[in-house]
Amino acid sequence: MRELSTRTAQFTDSVIRRMTRVANKYGAVNLSQGFPDFDPPKEITDKLSEVAKVGPHQYALTFGAKNFRDALAKKYERFSGLKINPEEEIVVTCGSTEAMMATMMSITNPGDKVAIFSPFYENYGADTILSGAEPIYIPLVPPNFDFDPKLIEDAFVQGAKAIIICNPSNPCGKVFTYDELIVIAELAKKYDAYVVTDEVYEHILYAPNKHVYMQALPGMRERTIVCNSLSKTYSITGWRLGYVIANPEIVDRVKKVHDFLTVGAAAPLMEAAVTGLEFDDSYYEELQAHYTHMKELFVGGLKKLGLNFTEPQGAYYVLLDVSEFGVKDDTAFCEWMAEHVGVAGVPGSSFFKEEVNHLVRFHFAKKDDTLEEALKRLASLKEKAMNAENVSWR
């Protein structure tokens, strides 16, 4: 038989999703794949029950039901200050994963280059490669995950057509400041580059950090492409409702790519989710308070256990430093930890272009009972890791 695609020959399965299967195998507390174990807001699920009886049950417009796009535009204006035309500047997608893929296929040609901060969500590199483009990785330096503007400029000098920013960042929890985003924006304008923002954690922030919308910065509306979803904000990761916000010319192209990728998002789910998009400010205040509580519970527990980690400014991830255990293969370590400690995390190497084998990503979007059980099990981590013999990860 003829050879398969060389473009995808080096792909592995998603390490994040693989670690969920490992967690299930060993009955470990799953702090790997970033989905909550608590329910969405009752108002949304009640509306879904109504929709199940009366519809809509057929295709919506391929680029999103009108009432859903209208509600998205109003919500985005409320938080960003930008008035968005829901007919020309929004495409609804099957999750932010498709939003990013459709965007990359719309703005890049084979041979183009795309700048990506490292650490990064694992899909960014894959999306770039699937589009025929070449990633250029720019390190974010721990523990604060700062960047060197000279390296960003160097990427643009090399021909990067776009830069991808996850803000707040998965996996490191960095929230980019206004001043940092201005630096990136000025370079993007200087080199006539696109800025693609993944903003799925925009409402999950820890004081005093604030979310700044790149698209709202001076001169950035036309060249910024926002990829986002409802998954994290409303705890509906399984609904796969994402969207792209960009200028009409870009959105027109994304609409066409999206149509051939997935046709459209689920009509009944869009109808139900409008309820969430119309929540008042109190919902987002309560959401931030809820996640702040979970963060304090989990990182407070890690501190008591004497474990080393980076404290997030936003999103709901912690990078645990396991270098004290002599870890040389973090993937093997995570599988060992799931089996022998009973907690599943994601090996940090799956997020870094640099050689990193000493970090494990945990997420804490969990009920108190789940986090307390995880901490109870992690209490044995140091002793078991220090005394482990004949292990493949050391």
Protein backbone atom coordinates (compact mmCIF):
# COMPACT_ATOMS: atom_id res chain seq x y z
CA MET A 1 0.00 0.00 0.00
CA ARG A 2 1.08 3.59 -0.57
CA GLU A 3 2.59 5.52 2.31
CA LEU A 4 0.44 7.50 4.71
CA SER A 5 0.74 11.25 5.28
CA THR A 6 4.25 12.38 6.17
CA ARG A 7 2.76 15.51 7.75
CA THR A 8 1.21 13.45 10.57
CA ALA A 9 3.84 10.72 10.81
CA GLN A 10 5.38 12.15 13.99
CA PHE A 11 2.07 12.67 15.78
CA THR A 12 1.30 10.78 18.97
CA ASP A 13 -2.06 10.55 20.65
CA SER A 14 -2.94 13.38 23.04
CA VAL A 15 -0.91 12.84 26.20
CA ILE A 16 -3.59 14.68 28.21
CA ARG A 17 -6.36 12.35 27.07
CA ARG A 18 -4.05 9.34 27.44
CA MET A 19 -3.53 10.18 31.12
CA THR A 20 -7.30 10.06 31.67
CA ARG A 21 -7.22 6.48 30.42
CA VAL A 22 -4.31 5.76 32.78
CA ALA A 23 -6.30 7.29 35.66
CA ASN A 24 -9.27 5.07 34.82
CA LYS A 25 -7.05 2.01 34.61
CA TYR A 26 -5.68 2.43 38.13
CA GLY A 27 -8.66 4.10 39.79
CA ALA A 28 -6.59 7.23 40.37
CA VAL A 29 -7.97 10.66 41.17
CA ASN A 30 -7.96 12.29 37.74
CA LEU A 31 -6.19 15.65 37.95
CA SER A 32 -4.95 15.29 34.37
CA GLN A 33 -7.62 16.17 31.77
CA GLY A 34 -9.01 19.61 32.57
CA PHE A 35 -12.72 19.05 33.07
CA PRO A 36 -14.77 19.72 36.24
CA ASP A 37 -16.46 17.03 38.27
CA PHE A 38 -19.27 19.40 39.26
CA ASP A 39 -22.42 20.29 37.34
CA PRO A 40 -23.03 23.26 35.06
CA PRO A 41 -25.31 26.05 36.31
CA LYS A 42 -28.82 24.71 36.88
CA GLU A 43 -30.35 27.42 34.72
CA ILE A 44 -28.49 26.05 31.69
CA THR A 45 -29.34 22.39 32.29
CA ASP A 46 -33.00 23.27 32.99
CA LYS A 47 -33.12 25.08 29.66
CA LEU A 48 -31.56 22.06 27.96
CA SER A 49 -34.38 19.90 29.34
CA GLU A 50 -36.90 22.24 27.74
CA VAL A 51 -35.02 22.27 24.45
CA ALA A 52 -34.92 18.45 24.40
CA LYS A 53 -38.71 18.49 24.16
CA VAL A 54 -39.34 21.36 21.76
CA GLY A 55 -36.11 21.76 19.77
CA PRO A 56 -34.44 23.00 17.70
CA HIS A 57 -33.24 19.57 16.59
CA GLN A 58 -32.10 20.27 13.04
CA TYR A 59 -29.13 22.16 11.61
CA ALA A 60 -28.67 25.74 12.67
CA LEU A 61 -26.90 28.13 10.31
CA THR A 62 -23.47 26.66 9.73
CA PHE A 63 -21.71 29.60 11.39
CA GLY A 64 -24.00 29.56 14.45
CA ALA A 65 -27.61 30.18 15.45
CA LYS A 66 -28.48 33.87 15.31
CA ASN A 67 -29.66 34.19 18.92
CA PHE A 68 -26.48 32.47 20.11
CA ARG A 69 -24.24 34.80 18.11
CA ASP A 70 -26.24 37.81 19.28
CA ALA A 71 -25.78 36.75 22.90
CA LEU A 72 -22.06 36.13 22.34
CA ALA A 73 -21.61 39.58 20.83
CA LYS A 74 -23.35 41.27 23.77
CA LYS A 75 -21.31 39.34 26.34
CA TYR A 76 -18.03 40.07 24.54
CA GLU A 77 -18.85 43.77 24.34
CA ARG A 78 -19.69 43.85 28.05
CA PHE A 79 -16.26 42.54 29.04
CA SER A 80 -13.98 43.79 26.25
CA GLY A 81 -15.62 47.12 25.46
CA LEU A 82 -15.69 46.26 21.75
CA LYS A 83 -18.94 46.27 19.80
CA ILE A 84 -19.03 43.15 17.61
CA ASN A 85 -21.22 42.56 14.55
CA PRO A 86 -22.64 39.06 15.13
CA GLU A 87 -23.37 38.64 11.41
CA GLU A 88 -19.86 39.42 10.18
CA GLU A 89 -17.42 38.96 13.05
CA ILE A 90 -18.38 35.68 14.79
CA VAL A 91 -18.20 32.04 13.75
CA VAL A 92 -19.50 29.38 16.16
CA THR A 93 -17.40 26.20 16.12
CA CYS A 94 -17.31 22.76 17.70
CA GLY A 95 -15.23 23.81 20.67
CA SER A 96 -12.19 26.09 20.77
CA THR A 97 -10.19 23.18 19.34
CA GLU A 98 -11.96 23.56 16.02
CA ALA A 99 -11.85 27.35 16.38
CA MET A 100 -8.05 27.20 16.48
CA MET A 101 -7.79 24.66 13.66
CA ALA A 102 -10.13 26.61 11.39
CA THR A 103 -8.22 29.80 12.16
CA MET A 104 -4.84 28.29 11.36
CA MET A 105 -6.13 26.84 8.10
CA SER A 106 -7.59 30.24 7.21
CA ILE A 107 -4.53 32.42 7.81
CA THR A 108 -1.53 30.23 6.92
CA ASN A 109 -0.15 28.70 3.75
CA PRO A 110 2.23 25.74 3.50
CA GLY A 111 5.69 26.98 4.39
CA ASP A 112 4.50 29.85 6.60
CA LYS A 113 5.79 30.13 10.17
CA VAL A 114 3.86 30.61 13.42
CA ALA A 115 5.30 31.72 16.77
CA ILE A 116 4.15 29.76 19.83
CA PHE A 117 5.06 30.36 23.46
CA SER A 118 6.48 27.35 25.31
CA PRO A 119 4.97 25.88 27.46
CA PHE A 120 1.89 25.57 25.27
CA TYR A 121 -1.36 23.64 25.00
CA GLU A 122 -0.47 20.60 22.92
CA ASN A 123 -2.88 21.34 20.05
CA TYR A 124 -1.11 24.52 18.95
CA GLY A 125 1.91 22.81 17.44
CA ALA A 126 -0.26 20.13 15.86
CA ASP A 127 -2.63 22.70 14.33
CA THR A 128 0.29 24.59 12.86
CA ILE A 129 1.78 21.45 11.33
CA LEU A 130 -1.60 20.24 10.01
CA SER A 131 -1.92 23.60 8.26
CA GLY A 132 1.43 23.02 6.56
CA ALA A 133 3.12 25.76 8.56
CA GLU A 134 6.21 25.58 10.77
CA PRO A 135 6.15 26.43 14.49
CA ILE A 136 8.77 28.69 16.08
CA TYR A 137 8.81 28.26 19.85
CA ILE A 138 9.52 31.13 22.24
CA PRO A 139 10.32 30.15 25.84
CA LEU A 140 8.39 31.48 28.81
CA VAL A 141 10.92 31.38 31.63
CA PRO A 142 9.89 29.89 35.01
CA PRO A 143 9.04 30.61 37.75
CA ASN A 144 7.20 33.74 36.54
CA PHE A 145 7.08 32.60 32.91
CA ASP A 146 8.42 35.88 31.59
CA PHE A 147 9.45 36.28 27.95
CA ASP A 148 12.27 38.04 26.14
CA PRO A 149 10.84 40.52 23.60
CA LYS A 150 13.96 40.05 21.48
CA LEU A 151 13.01 36.42 20.90
CA ILE A 152 9.53 37.43 19.77
CA GLU A 153 11.03 39.93 17.35
CA ASP A 154 13.47 37.30 16.16
CA ALA A 155 10.54 34.98 15.37
CA PHE A 156 8.93 37.74 13.30
CA VAL A 157 12.24 38.46 11.58
CA GLN A 158 12.34 34.75 10.65
CA GLY A 159 8.99 35.27 8.98
CA ALA A 160 6.40 34.30 11.56
CA LYS A 161 3.03 35.24 10.08
CA ALA A 162 1.21 34.88 13.41
CA ILE A 163 1.78 34.38 17.11
CA ILE A 164 -0.47 32.28 19.37
CA ILE A 165 -1.11 33.47 22.93
CA CYS A 166 -3.01 31.47 25.55
CA ASN A 167 -4.17 33.97 28.16
CA PRO A 168 -4.57 32.92 30.95
CA SER A 169 -2.14 30.19 30.05
CA ASN A 170 -2.59 26.45 30.01
CA PRO A 171 -0.48 24.85 31.50
CA CYS A 172 1.44 27.40 33.59
CA GLY A 173 -1.37 29.69 34.75
CA LYS A 174 0.35 32.84 33.55
CA VAL A 175 -1.83 35.92 33.06
CA PHE A 176 -0.23 38.28 30.55
CA THR A 177 -0.16 41.86 31.82
CA TYR A 178 -1.25 44.92 29.88
CA ASP A 179 2.38 45.96 29.42
CA GLU A 180 3.39 42.51 28.15
CA LEU A 181 0.54 42.45 25.65
CA ILE A 182 1.43 45.94 24.45
CA VAL A 183 4.97 44.72 23.71
CA ILE A 184 3.59 41.81 21.67
CA ALA A 185 1.03 44.04 19.95
CA GLU A 186 3.62 46.60 18.87
CA LEU A 187 5.83 43.87 17.41
CA ALA A 188 2.87 42.31 15.60
CA LYS A 189 2.03 45.68 14.06
CA LYS A 190 5.67 46.34 13.16
CA TYR A 191 5.95 43.04 11.28
CA ASP A 192 2.34 42.93 10.02
CA ALA A 193 1.54 39.68 11.84
CA TYR A 194 -1.66 38.16 13.17
CA VAL A 195 -2.18 37.55 16.88
CA VAL A 196 -4.26 34.45 17.65
CA THR A 197 -5.53 34.42 21.23
CA ASP A 198 -6.88 31.44 23.13
CA GLU A 199 -8.98 33.02 25.89
CA VAL A 200 -10.95 30.06 27.27
CA TYR A 201 -9.91 30.88 30.85
CA GLU A 202 -10.74 34.61 30.61
CA HIS A 203 -13.00 34.50 33.68
CA ILE A 204 -10.83 32.22 35.84
CA LEU A 205 -8.41 34.64 37.47
CA TYR A 206 -6.91 35.15 40.92
CA ALA A 207 -6.60 38.59 42.47
CA PRO A 208 -4.99 40.96 41.71
CA ASN A 209 -4.62 39.63 38.14
CA LYS A 210 -6.90 41.01 35.41
CA HIS A 211 -7.69 39.74 31.93
CA VAL A 212 -6.72 42.15 29.16
CA TYR A 213 -8.31 41.63 25.74
CA MET A 214 -5.64 41.81 23.05
CA GLN A 215 -8.25 42.73 20.47
CA ALA A 216 -9.14 45.86 22.48
CA LEU A 217 -5.58 47.25 22.45
CA PRO A 218 -4.78 50.16 20.12
CA GLY A 219 -4.51 49.07 16.50
CA MET A 220 -5.14 45.37 17.29
CA ARG A 221 -8.77 44.83 16.37
CA GLU A 222 -8.08 44.09 12.71
CA ARG A 223 -5.17 41.69 13.25
CA THR A 224 -6.35 39.80 16.39
CA ILE A 225 -8.24 36.51 16.06
CA VAL A 226 -9.98 35.40 19.25
CA CYS A 227 -10.51 31.68 19.81
CA ASN A 228 -12.70 30.87 22.79
CA SER A 229 -15.37 28.53 24.09
CA LEU A 230 -18.04 28.14 26.73
CA SER A 231 -16.46 24.96 28.10
CA LYS A 232 -14.61 26.29 31.14
CA THR A 233 -16.71 29.33 31.99
CA TYR A 234 -19.94 27.34 32.27
CA SER A 235 -18.52 23.87 33.09
CA ILE A 236 -19.84 22.33 29.86
CA THR A 237 -16.69 20.89 28.30
CA GLY A 238 -18.69 18.08 26.69
CA TRP A 239 -20.98 20.47 24.81
CA ARG A 240 -18.17 21.56 22.45
CA LEU A 241 -19.36 25.11 21.85
CA GLY A 242 -16.56 27.36 20.71
CA TYR A 243 -16.23 30.45 18.58
CA VAL A 244 -13.95 32.74 16.60
CA ILE A 245 -14.17 36.54 16.76
CA ALA A 246 -12.22 38.47 14.14
CA ASN A 247 -12.57 41.10 11.43
CA PRO A 248 -15.10 40.36 8.65
CA GLU A 249 -12.50 39.36 6.05
CA ILE A 250 -10.96 36.74 8.35
CA VAL A 251 -14.33 35.53 9.61
CA ASP A 252 -15.58 35.08 6.04
CA ARG A 253 -12.68 32.69 5.40
CA VAL A 254 -13.07 30.89 8.74
CA LYS A 255 -16.78 30.36 7.99
CA LYS A 256 -15.90 28.48 4.82
CA VAL A 257 -13.23 26.33 6.45
CA HIS A 258 -15.54 25.58 9.39
CA ASP A 259 -18.36 24.57 7.03
CA PHE A 260 -16.19 21.85 5.51
CA LEU A 261 -14.67 20.73 8.83
CA THR A 262 -17.80 20.17 10.92
CA VAL A 263 -20.76 21.91 9.17
CA GLY A 264 -21.95 23.39 12.45
CA ALA A 265 -22.22 23.22 16.23
CA ALA A 266 -25.11 21.39 17.91
CA ALA A 267 -28.32 23.43 17.57
CA PRO A 268 -30.01 22.29 20.81
CA LEU A 269 -26.88 23.03 22.84
CA MET A 270 -26.54 26.52 21.40
CA GLU A 271 -30.18 27.20 22.27
CA ALA A 272 -29.68 26.11 25.88
CA ALA A 273 -26.35 27.91 26.28
CA VAL A 274 -27.85 31.31 25.43
CA THR A 275 -29.14 31.24 29.01
CA GLY A 276 -25.58 31.23 30.32
CA LEU A 277 -24.39 33.97 28.00
CA GLU A 278 -27.11 36.20 29.43
CA PHE A 279 -26.03 35.76 33.07
CA ASP A 280 -25.34 39.04 34.87
CA ASP A 281 -22.01 40.03 36.44
CA SER A 282 -22.77 38.21 39.69
CA TYR A 283 -22.27 34.87 37.95
CA TYR A 284 -18.70 35.73 36.96
CA GLU A 285 -17.95 37.10 40.41
CA GLU A 286 -19.17 33.87 41.97
CA LEU A 287 -17.22 31.84 39.41
CA GLN A 288 -14.00 33.64 40.35
CA ALA A 289 -14.71 33.16 44.06
CA HIS A 290 -15.39 29.46 43.49
CA TYR A 291 -12.14 28.89 41.62
CA THR A 292 -10.20 30.98 44.12
CA HIS A 293 -11.51 28.67 46.85
CA MET A 294 -10.45 25.56 44.91
CA LYS A 295 -7.02 27.01 44.21
CA GLU A 296 -6.44 27.92 47.84
CA LEU A 297 -7.59 24.50 49.00
CA PHE A 298 -5.33 22.64 46.59
CA VAL A 299 -2.18 24.78 46.64
CA GLY A 300 -2.54 25.18 50.40
CA GLY A 301 -2.53 21.40 50.70
CA LEU A 302 0.53 21.09 48.45
CA LYS A 303 2.36 23.61 50.65
CA LYS A 304 1.54 21.63 53.80
CA LEU A 305 2.93 18.51 52.12
CA GLY A 306 6.18 20.33 51.37
CA LEU A 307 5.83 19.89 47.61
CA ASN A 308 7.26 22.41 45.15
CA PHE A 309 5.01 23.97 42.52
CA THR A 310 4.24 27.13 40.56
CA GLU A 311 1.22 29.03 41.84
CA PRO A 312 -1.12 30.06 39.02
CA GLN A 313 -2.30 33.60 38.32
CA GLY A 314 -5.23 32.30 36.27
CA ALA A 315 -6.74 29.13 34.75
CA TYR A 316 -6.85 26.07 37.01
CA TYR A 317 -3.52 24.31 36.67
CA VAL A 318 -0.51 23.79 38.90
CA LEU A 319 2.91 22.64 37.69
CA LEU A 320 4.41 20.36 40.32
CA ASP A 321 8.21 20.22 40.42
CA VAL A 322 9.31 16.57 40.89
CA SER A 323 13.01 17.08 40.25
CA GLU A 324 13.83 16.17 43.88
CA PHE A 325 12.83 12.58 43.09
CA GLY A 326 15.40 12.20 40.31
CA VAL A 327 12.79 12.00 37.54
CA LYS A 328 14.29 11.61 34.08
CA ASP A 329 11.17 10.32 32.27
CA ASP A 330 8.13 12.29 33.38
CA THR A 331 5.67 10.22 31.34
CA ALA A 332 6.77 7.02 33.07
CA PHE A 333 6.69 8.88 36.38
CA CYS A 334 3.09 9.98 35.84
CA GLU A 335 2.02 6.43 35.03
CA TRP A 336 3.86 5.19 38.15
CA MET A 337 2.23 7.90 40.26
CA ALA A 338 -1.24 6.98 39.03
CA GLU A 339 -0.65 3.34 39.92
CA HIS A 340 1.26 3.68 43.21
CA VAL A 341 0.08 7.02 44.61
CA GLY A 342 -3.40 7.05 43.10
CA VAL A 343 -3.30 10.51 41.53
CA ALA A 344 -3.06 11.18 37.79
CA GLY A 345 -1.33 14.21 36.29
CA VAL A 346 0.07 15.15 32.88
CA PRO A 347 3.82 14.98 32.16
CA GLY A 348 5.17 18.49 31.69
CA SER A 349 7.23 17.45 28.67
CA SER A 350 4.04 17.38 26.58
CA PHE A 351 3.76 21.18 26.97
CA PHE A 352 7.36 22.27 26.42
CA LYS A 353 9.50 22.43 23.31
CA GLU A 354 12.54 22.61 25.60
CA GLU A 355 13.73 19.42 27.29
CA VAL A 356 11.68 19.39 30.48
CA ASN A 357 11.24 16.22 32.51
CA HIS A 358 10.74 17.52 36.04
CA LEU A 359 7.22 18.97 35.93
CA VAL A 360 3.76 17.44 36.28
CA ARG A 361 0.57 19.36 35.54
CA PHE A 362 -2.34 18.96 37.94
CA HIS A 363 -5.70 20.65 37.55
CA PHE A 364 -7.96 21.59 40.44
CA ALA A 365 -11.38 22.16 38.84
CA LYS A 366 -12.82 19.62 41.25
CA LYS A 367 -15.18 19.31 44.19
CA ASP A 368 -13.69 19.80 47.64
CA ASP A 369 -14.03 16.08 48.37
CA THR A 370 -12.09 15.19 45.22
CA LEU A 371 -9.27 17.63 45.99
CA GLU A 372 -9.07 16.50 49.61
CA GLU A 373 -8.83 12.88 48.49
CA ALA A 374 -6.10 13.78 46.01
CA LEU A 375 -4.13 15.60 48.72
CA LYS A 376 -4.59 12.66 51.08
CA ARG A 377 -3.05 10.36 48.48
CA LEU A 378 -0.30 12.83 47.58
CA ALA A 379 0.79 12.79 51.21
CA SER A 380 2.58 9.52 50.40
CA LEU A 381 4.24 10.83 47.22
CA LYS A 382 7.55 11.93 48.72
CA GLU A 383 8.15 8.76 50.67
CA LYS A 384 7.11 6.43 47.86
CA ALA A 385 9.07 8.33 45.21
CA MET A 386 12.22 8.63 47.31
CA ASN A 387 12.15 4.92 48.19
CA ALA A 388 11.10 3.63 44.77
CA GLU A 389 13.52 1.10 43.33
CA ASN A 390 13.93 -0.33 39.85
CA VAL A 391 11.64 2.24 38.32
CA SER A 392 11.82 3.23 34.68
CA TRP A 393 11.46 6.94 35.31
CA ARG A 394 14.71 7.49 37.26
